[in-house]
């Protein structure tokens, strides 16, 4: 799987699918940790999303769970050459996320990643790829649904419904703020869905949880400063 994430542009779609299926078999969907004191959010943006190759930036913001205040941040830049192919996002973004992870001097207890985990056609979206590759605890927090079906949760903050596929639960649709669109939460690696939902709610002041919201905002500033 590591090789595939690093050199996906050299592999066929069938080989990429096989890598994802093998990755899904390694995902641990239960709490495999003791305590959580820090949560990190990872996000990625491109100079020109419809061009290939293109410059890209990835960010990590680590917050203290108790206060929701940021304690560390880092941005890395590189060129991304793997094309955008729906359901194969990890092969485009993982090399830069791994570069960010390796350079980070502070590693949070849990990583939130802007994307899917187990809520993926082959059970291994980018949040699961990242978790399996690094061995870290990870959660997929996406702004839109990729896969599955659900009933709209009640409008109150804290309510959620399950995201399902063929009667199997693959994630949760979570209302993080009263009467705003929900976010789509799924297990990345080494965490239960129940705990993933709880952490997303604990870290949410707005629609998007603070770790990924702050990582996104940091990226937008860096990208703007780099281009102008």
Protein backbone atom coordinates (compact mmCIF):
# COMPACT_ATOMS: atom_id res chain seq x y z
CA UNK A 1 0.00 0.00 0.00
CA UNK A 2 2.82 2.41 0.82
CA UNK A 3 4.30 1.95 -2.62
CA UNK A 4 0.95 2.58 -4.24
CA UNK A 5 0.36 5.77 -2.33
CA UNK A 6 3.77 7.03 -3.38
CA UNK A 7 3.67 6.03 -7.03
CA UNK A 8 0.01 5.68 -7.96
CA UNK A 9 0.56 7.43 -11.30
CA UNK A 10 2.50 4.35 -12.46
CA UNK A 11 -0.30 1.88 -11.65
CA UNK A 12 -3.48 0.83 -13.44
CA UNK A 13 -6.93 1.55 -12.03
CA UNK A 14 -7.35 -2.14 -11.22
CA UNK A 15 -4.09 -2.12 -9.26
CA UNK A 16 -5.21 1.02 -7.41
CA UNK A 17 -8.47 -0.71 -6.50
CA UNK A 18 -6.54 -3.72 -5.20
CA UNK A 19 -4.40 -1.44 -3.01
CA UNK A 20 -7.55 0.14 -1.55
CA UNK A 21 -9.15 -3.24 -0.87
CA UNK A 22 -6.00 -4.45 0.89
CA UNK A 23 -5.86 -1.19 2.88
CA UNK A 24 -9.48 -1.64 4.01
CA UNK A 25 -8.61 -5.04 5.49
CA UNK A 26 -6.04 -3.36 7.78
CA UNK A 27 -8.35 -0.66 9.14
CA UNK A 28 -9.00 -1.00 12.89
CA UNK A 29 -12.53 0.21 13.69
CA UNK A 30 -12.26 0.28 17.47
CA UNK A 31 -10.61 2.58 20.01
CA UNK A 32 -6.97 1.58 19.98
CA UNK A 33 -5.61 4.33 22.26
CA UNK A 34 -5.82 5.48 25.86
CA UNK A 35 -6.46 9.22 26.00
CA UNK A 36 -6.92 12.13 23.60
CA UNK A 37 -5.47 15.48 24.57
CA UNK A 38 -4.70 16.90 21.13
CA UNK A 39 -6.41 16.70 17.75
CA UNK A 40 -4.81 17.71 14.47
CA UNK A 41 -6.55 18.75 11.27
CA UNK A 42 -5.03 18.15 7.84
CA UNK A 43 -6.11 19.85 4.63
CA UNK A 44 -4.73 20.27 1.13
CA UNK A 45 -5.24 22.75 -1.69
CA UNK A 46 -4.02 23.15 -5.25
CA UNK A 47 -2.86 26.12 -7.31
CA UNK A 48 -4.92 24.89 -10.28
CA UNK A 49 -7.11 21.93 -9.40
CA UNK A 50 -7.94 21.15 -13.04
CA UNK A 51 -4.30 21.07 -14.19
CA UNK A 52 -1.71 18.35 -13.84
CA UNK A 53 0.95 18.63 -12.57
CA UNK A 54 0.20 21.57 -10.28
CA UNK A 55 1.59 23.22 -7.17
CA UNK A 56 -0.11 22.15 -3.97
CA UNK A 57 0.04 22.96 -0.27
CA UNK A 58 -0.86 20.81 2.73
CA UNK A 59 -1.43 22.07 6.26
CA UNK A 60 -1.58 20.65 9.76
CA UNK A 61 -3.07 22.52 12.72
CA UNK A 62 -2.97 20.84 16.13
CA UNK A 63 -5.39 22.00 18.82
CA UNK A 64 -5.68 21.22 22.50
CA UNK A 65 -8.91 19.31 23.04
CA UNK A 66 -9.57 20.94 26.40
CA UNK A 67 -9.48 24.52 25.10
CA UNK A 68 -9.85 24.11 21.30
CA UNK A 69 -6.89 26.48 20.97
CA UNK A 70 -4.18 25.85 18.35
CA UNK A 71 -0.78 24.83 19.72
CA UNK A 72 1.10 24.01 16.50
CA UNK A 73 0.83 24.48 12.75
CA UNK A 74 2.83 23.63 9.67
CA UNK A 75 2.44 24.04 5.90
CA UNK A 76 4.40 22.22 3.20
CA UNK A 77 4.45 22.83 -0.55
CA UNK A 78 5.22 20.49 -3.44
CA UNK A 79 4.16 19.55 -6.96
CA UNK A 80 1.33 17.04 -7.35
CA UNK A 81 1.36 15.01 -10.54
CA UNK A 82 -1.25 12.27 -10.07
CA UNK A 83 -4.53 13.25 -11.80
CA UNK A 84 -7.85 13.73 -10.05
CA UNK A 85 -9.86 10.51 -10.37
CA UNK A 86 -13.04 10.13 -8.29
CA UNK A 87 -12.63 7.61 -5.41
CA UNK A 88 -8.82 7.59 -5.86
CA UNK A 89 -8.12 10.87 -4.06
CA UNK A 90 -5.50 9.30 -1.78
CA UNK A 91 -3.14 8.61 -4.67
CA UNK A 92 -3.20 12.31 -5.59
CA UNK A 93 -2.90 13.73 -2.07
CA UNK A 94 -1.14 11.14 0.10
CA UNK A 95 2.48 11.90 -0.90
CA UNK A 96 2.07 15.52 0.22
CA UNK A 97 0.23 14.53 3.41
CA UNK A 98 3.03 12.09 4.24
CA UNK A 99 5.63 14.81 3.63
CA UNK A 100 3.68 17.05 6.01
CA UNK A 101 3.45 14.28 8.59
CA UNK A 102 7.17 13.50 8.43
CA UNK A 103 8.14 17.17 8.87
CA UNK A 104 5.71 17.86 11.73
CA UNK A 105 7.45 18.35 15.07
CA UNK A 106 4.16 17.87 16.96
CA UNK A 107 2.07 14.77 16.31
CA UNK A 108 -1.50 14.95 17.68
CA UNK A 109 -3.22 12.04 19.38
CA UNK A 110 -5.86 11.98 16.61
CA UNK A 111 -5.75 13.27 13.03
CA UNK A 112 -8.87 14.68 11.35
CA UNK A 113 -8.53 14.57 7.57
CA UNK A 114 -10.69 16.50 5.12
CA UNK A 115 -12.05 13.47 3.25
CA UNK A 116 -13.47 10.01 3.70
CA UNK A 117 -12.33 7.05 5.74
CA UNK A 118 -14.41 3.87 5.60
CA UNK A 119 -17.25 5.74 3.80
CA UNK A 120 -15.72 4.77 0.48
CA UNK A 121 -16.71 2.25 -2.24
CA UNK A 122 -13.76 0.02 -1.34
CA UNK A 123 -13.68 0.89 2.36
CA UNK A 124 -10.46 2.91 2.30
CA UNK A 125 -10.66 6.62 1.60
CA UNK A 126 -7.81 9.03 2.23
CA UNK A 127 -8.32 9.16 6.02
CA UNK A 128 -7.96 5.38 6.23
CA UNK A 129 -5.03 5.36 3.80
CA UNK A 130 -3.26 7.90 5.98
CA UNK A 131 -4.00 6.03 9.21
CA UNK A 132 -2.92 2.65 7.88
CA UNK A 133 0.20 4.11 6.25
CA UNK A 134 1.39 5.97 9.36
CA UNK A 135 -0.18 3.83 12.11
CA UNK A 136 -1.84 6.96 13.54
CA UNK A 137 -5.39 7.35 14.83
CA UNK A 138 -7.38 9.05 12.08
CA UNK A 139 -10.92 10.24 11.30
CA UNK A 140 -12.45 11.22 7.98
CA UNK A 141 -14.44 14.46 8.17
CA UNK A 142 -15.97 15.35 4.81
CA UNK A 143 -18.20 18.22 3.73
CA UNK A 144 -20.19 16.08 1.30
CA UNK A 145 -21.27 12.48 0.81
CA UNK A 146 -19.22 10.24 -1.45
CA UNK A 147 -20.91 6.92 -0.82
CA UNK A 148 -23.93 5.34 0.84
CA UNK A 149 -27.38 6.54 1.86
CA UNK A 150 -28.84 8.12 4.99
CA UNK A 151 -31.82 9.85 6.57
CA UNK A 152 -31.41 13.53 7.28
CA UNK A 153 -30.63 13.96 11.01
CA UNK A 154 -32.75 16.29 13.17
CA UNK A 155 -31.82 20.01 12.91
CA UNK A 156 -30.28 20.33 16.39
CA UNK A 157 -26.55 20.32 17.08
CA UNK A 158 -25.38 16.90 18.26
CA UNK A 159 -27.93 14.91 16.31
CA UNK A 160 -26.75 12.41 13.74
CA UNK A 161 -27.88 9.53 11.56
CA UNK A 162 -25.91 6.63 10.16
CA UNK A 163 -24.49 6.51 6.68
CA UNK A 164 -25.19 3.04 5.31
CA UNK A 165 -24.47 0.86 2.34
CA UNK A 166 -26.24 -2.50 1.87
CA UNK A 167 -27.40 -2.36 5.51
CA UNK A 168 -23.82 -1.87 6.70
CA UNK A 169 -22.89 1.27 8.65
CA UNK A 170 -20.01 3.05 6.89
CA UNK A 171 -20.14 6.42 8.67
CA UNK A 172 -22.31 9.03 10.35
CA UNK A 173 -24.04 12.22 9.20
CA UNK A 174 -23.44 14.67 12.03
CA UNK A 175 -25.10 18.01 12.78
CA UNK A 176 -22.32 20.11 14.34
CA UNK A 177 -24.36 23.33 14.52
CA UNK A 178 -28.08 24.04 14.77
CA UNK A 179 -29.81 24.14 11.39
CA UNK A 180 -26.67 23.96 9.25
CA UNK A 181 -25.69 21.26 6.76
CA UNK A 182 -24.19 18.18 8.43
CA UNK A 183 -20.68 16.81 8.01
CA UNK A 184 -19.89 13.23 7.04
CA UNK A 185 -17.78 11.40 9.61
CA UNK A 186 -16.18 8.01 9.13
CA UNK A 187 -13.54 5.87 10.78
CA UNK A 188 -10.07 6.40 9.44
CA UNK A 189 -8.03 4.00 11.56
CA UNK A 190 -7.71 2.84 15.20
CA UNK A 191 -10.94 4.47 16.38
CA UNK A 192 -14.61 3.56 16.72
CA UNK A 193 -17.30 5.48 14.86
CA UNK A 194 -18.93 6.40 18.19
CA UNK A 195 -15.73 8.01 19.47
CA UNK A 196 -15.06 9.67 16.11
CA UNK A 197 -18.50 11.33 16.23
CA UNK A 198 -17.96 12.38 19.85
CA UNK A 199 -14.60 14.00 19.02
CA UNK A 200 -16.04 15.81 16.03
CA UNK A 201 -18.77 17.29 18.22
CA UNK A 202 -16.34 18.18 21.01
CA UNK A 203 -14.15 20.11 18.57
CA UNK A 204 -16.92 21.90 16.65
CA UNK A 205 -17.85 25.53 17.26
CA UNK A 206 -18.99 26.05 13.68
CA UNK A 207 -20.04 23.60 10.96
CA UNK A 208 -16.49 22.32 10.36
CA UNK A 209 -14.54 21.02 13.39
CA UNK A 210 -11.83 23.40 14.58
CA UNK A 211 -8.82 21.27 13.56
CA UNK A 212 -9.80 21.06 9.88
CA UNK A 213 -11.41 24.53 9.82
CA UNK A 214 -8.20 26.14 11.08
CA UNK A 215 -6.08 24.01 8.73
CA UNK A 216 -8.24 25.16 5.80
CA UNK A 217 -8.05 28.83 6.82
CA UNK A 218 -4.26 28.62 7.19
CA UNK A 219 -3.97 27.08 3.73
CA UNK A 220 -6.04 29.82 2.13
CA UNK A 221 -3.75 32.50 3.59
CA UNK A 222 -0.58 30.68 2.50
CA UNK A 223 -1.94 30.00 -0.98
CA UNK A 224 -3.00 33.63 -1.43
CA UNK A 225 0.38 34.94 -0.27
CA UNK A 226 2.19 32.51 -2.56
CA UNK A 227 0.23 33.53 -5.64
CA UNK A 228 0.18 37.31 -5.20
